[in-house]
Amino acid sequence: MDNIKDIVETVVRGCALGGLEVQELLAAFVARTVVEEHASSFSLDKPITESRKDEVILRSIERLLERDNPSLEVCEVAKYR
């Protein structure tokens, strides 16, 4: 459980450094999608290694900071309605 909290907090801080404010819920959701997309690399039955943890964090931050992604733009538009 501590690993999940660390991942989410690090993703939130990483996005803030990139100039994007991200809520913990969104950071957790994106991290989960990263894990699910790479299910063969991440076994949920075993403890996560530091290198895998870093990989989830990096991929999550990259995804959230990605520009010109229509799926993320829809979320941004919905925020202002």
C-alpha atoms as a PDB file:
ATOM      1  CA  MET A   1       0.000   0.000   0.000  1.00  0.00           C
ATOM      2  CA  ASP A   2       2.880   2.356   0.746  1.00  0.00           C
ATOM      3  CA  ASN A   3       4.206   1.788  -2.775  1.00  0.00           C
ATOM      4  CA  ILE A   4       0.921   2.973  -4.267  1.00  0.00           C
ATOM      5  CA  LYS A   5       0.890   6.098  -2.127  1.00  0.00           C
ATOM      6  CA  ASP A   6       4.531   6.827  -3.020  1.00  0.00           C
ATOM      7  CA  ILE A   7       3.828   6.374  -6.721  1.00  0.00           C
ATOM      8  CA  VAL A   8       0.803   8.677  -6.657  1.00  0.00           C
ATOM      9  CA  GLU A   9       2.568  11.394  -4.651  1.00  0.00           C
ATOM     10  CA  THR A  10       5.620  11.256  -6.920  1.00  0.00           C
ATOM     11  CA  VAL A  11       3.463  11.495 -10.049  1.00  0.00           C
ATOM     12  CA  VAL A  12       1.655  14.533  -8.607  1.00  0.00           C
ATOM     13  CA  ARG A  13       4.992  16.218  -7.768  1.00  0.00           C
ATOM     14  CA  GLY A  14       6.481  15.335 -11.153  1.00  0.00           C
ATOM     15  CA  CYS A  15       3.527  16.848 -12.970  1.00  0.00           C
ATOM     16  CA  ALA A  16       3.764  19.973 -10.818  1.00  0.00           C
ATOM     17  CA  LEU A  17       7.400  20.349 -11.857  1.00  0.00           C
ATOM     18  CA  GLY A  18       6.194  20.087 -15.458  1.00  0.00           C
ATOM     19  CA  GLY A  19       3.708  22.901 -14.862  1.00  0.00           C
ATOM     20  CA  LEU A  20       0.562  20.796 -14.530  1.00  0.00           C
ATOM     21  CA  GLU A  21      -1.533  20.505 -11.380  1.00  0.00           C
ATOM     22  CA  VAL A  22      -2.871  16.963 -11.083  1.00  0.00           C
ATOM     23  CA  GLN A  23      -5.168  15.596  -8.416  1.00  0.00           C
ATOM     24  CA  GLU A  24      -4.150  12.386  -6.631  1.00  0.00           C
ATOM     25  CA  LEU A  25      -7.163  10.531  -8.026  1.00  0.00           C
ATOM     26  CA  LEU A  26      -6.120  11.266 -11.620  1.00  0.00           C
ATOM     27  CA  ALA A  27      -2.496  10.355 -10.875  1.00  0.00           C
ATOM     28  CA  ALA A  28      -3.630   7.037  -9.387  1.00  0.00           C
ATOM     29  CA  PHE A  29      -5.902   6.331 -12.351  1.00  0.00           C
ATOM     30  CA  VAL A  30      -3.158   7.000 -14.904  1.00  0.00           C
ATOM     31  CA  ALA A  31      -0.647   4.904 -12.948  1.00  0.00           C
ATOM     32  CA  ARG A  32      -3.147   2.058 -12.904  1.00  0.00           C
ATOM     33  CA  THR A  33      -3.661   2.303 -16.665  1.00  0.00           C
ATOM     34  CA  VAL A  34       0.113   2.151 -17.144  1.00  0.00           C
ATOM     35  CA  VAL A  35       0.289  -1.022 -15.062  1.00  0.00           C
ATOM     36  CA  GLU A  36      -2.669  -2.597 -16.858  1.00  0.00           C
ATOM     37  CA  GLU A  37      -1.273  -1.769 -20.317  1.00  0.00           C
ATOM     38  CA  HIS A  38       1.963  -3.512 -19.383  1.00  0.00           C
ATOM     39  CA  ALA A  39       0.484  -6.387 -17.412  1.00  0.00           C
ATOM     40  CA  SER A  40       3.140  -8.782 -18.665  1.00  0.00           C
ATOM     41  CA  SER A  41       5.843  -6.591 -17.103  1.00  0.00           C
ATOM     42  CA  PHE A  42       4.057  -5.871 -13.831  1.00  0.00           C
ATOM     43  CA  SER A  43       2.866  -8.785 -11.757  1.00  0.00           C
ATOM     44  CA  LEU A  44       0.292  -7.737  -9.196  1.00  0.00           C
ATOM     45  CA  ASP A  45       0.984 -10.912  -7.224  1.00  0.00           C
ATOM     46  CA  LYS A  46       4.553  -9.905  -6.342  1.00  0.00           C
ATOM     47  CA  PRO A  47       6.026  -6.843  -4.648  1.00  0.00           C
ATOM     48  CA  ILE A  48       7.046  -4.126  -7.085  1.00  0.00           C
ATOM     49  CA  THR A  49      10.778  -3.514  -7.529  1.00  0.00           C
ATOM     50  CA  GLU A  50      12.244  -0.011  -7.359  1.00  0.00           C
ATOM     51  CA  SER A  51      13.048  -0.038 -11.069  1.00  0.00           C
ATOM     52  CA  ARG A  52       9.467  -1.028 -11.968  1.00  0.00           C
ATOM     53  CA  LYS A  53       8.119   1.569  -9.573  1.00  0.00           C
ATOM     54  CA  ASP A  54      10.262   4.223 -11.268  1.00  0.00           C
ATOM     55  CA  GLU A  55       9.037   3.028 -14.662  1.00  0.00           C
ATOM     56  CA  VAL A  56       5.378   3.409 -13.639  1.00  0.00           C
ATOM     57  CA  ILE A  57       6.082   6.887 -12.289  1.00  0.00           C
ATOM     58  CA  LEU A  58       7.945   8.028 -15.386  1.00  0.00           C
ATOM     59  CA  ARG A  59       5.358   6.661 -17.826  1.00  0.00           C
ATOM     60  CA  SER A  60       2.514   8.192 -15.803  1.00  0.00           C
ATOM     61  CA  ILE A  61       4.127  11.620 -15.721  1.00  0.00           C
ATOM     62  CA  GLU A  62       4.921  11.453 -19.433  1.00  0.00           C
ATOM     63  CA  ARG A  63       1.338  10.530 -20.225  1.00  0.00           C
ATOM     64  CA  LEU A  64      -0.102  13.332 -18.116  1.00  0.00           C
ATOM     65  CA  LEU A  65       2.259  15.940 -19.546  1.00  0.00           C
ATOM     66  CA  GLU A  66       1.691  14.758 -23.110  1.00  0.00           C
ATOM     67  CA  ARG A  67       0.592  17.518 -25.500  1.00  0.00           C
ATOM     68  CA  ASP A  68      -1.746  17.164 -28.474  1.00  0.00           C
ATOM     69  CA  ASN A  69      -3.432  14.045 -27.153  1.00  0.00           C
ATOM     70  CA  PRO A  70      -7.148  14.165 -28.036  1.00  0.00           C
ATOM     71  CA  SER A  71      -8.167  11.941 -25.111  1.00  0.00           C
ATOM     72  CA  LEU A  72      -6.527  14.298 -22.636  1.00  0.00           C
ATOM     73  CA  GLU A  73      -7.898  17.379 -24.380  1.00  0.00           C
ATOM     74  CA  VAL A  74     -11.454  16.093 -23.904  1.00  0.00           C
ATOM     75  CA  CYS A  75     -10.795  15.920 -20.150  1.00  0.00           C
ATOM     76  CA  GLU A  76      -9.457  19.471 -20.189  1.00  0.00           C
ATOM     77  CA  VAL A  77     -12.550  20.811 -22.004  1.00  0.00           C
ATOM     78  CA  ALA A  78     -14.906  18.980 -19.634  1.00  0.00           C
ATOM     79  CA  LYS A  79     -13.183  20.629 -16.678  1.00  0.00           C
ATOM     80  CA  TYR A  80     -14.360  24.063 -17.808  1.00  0.00           C
ATOM     81  CA  ARG A  81     -18.036  23.182 -18.352  1.00  0.00           C
END
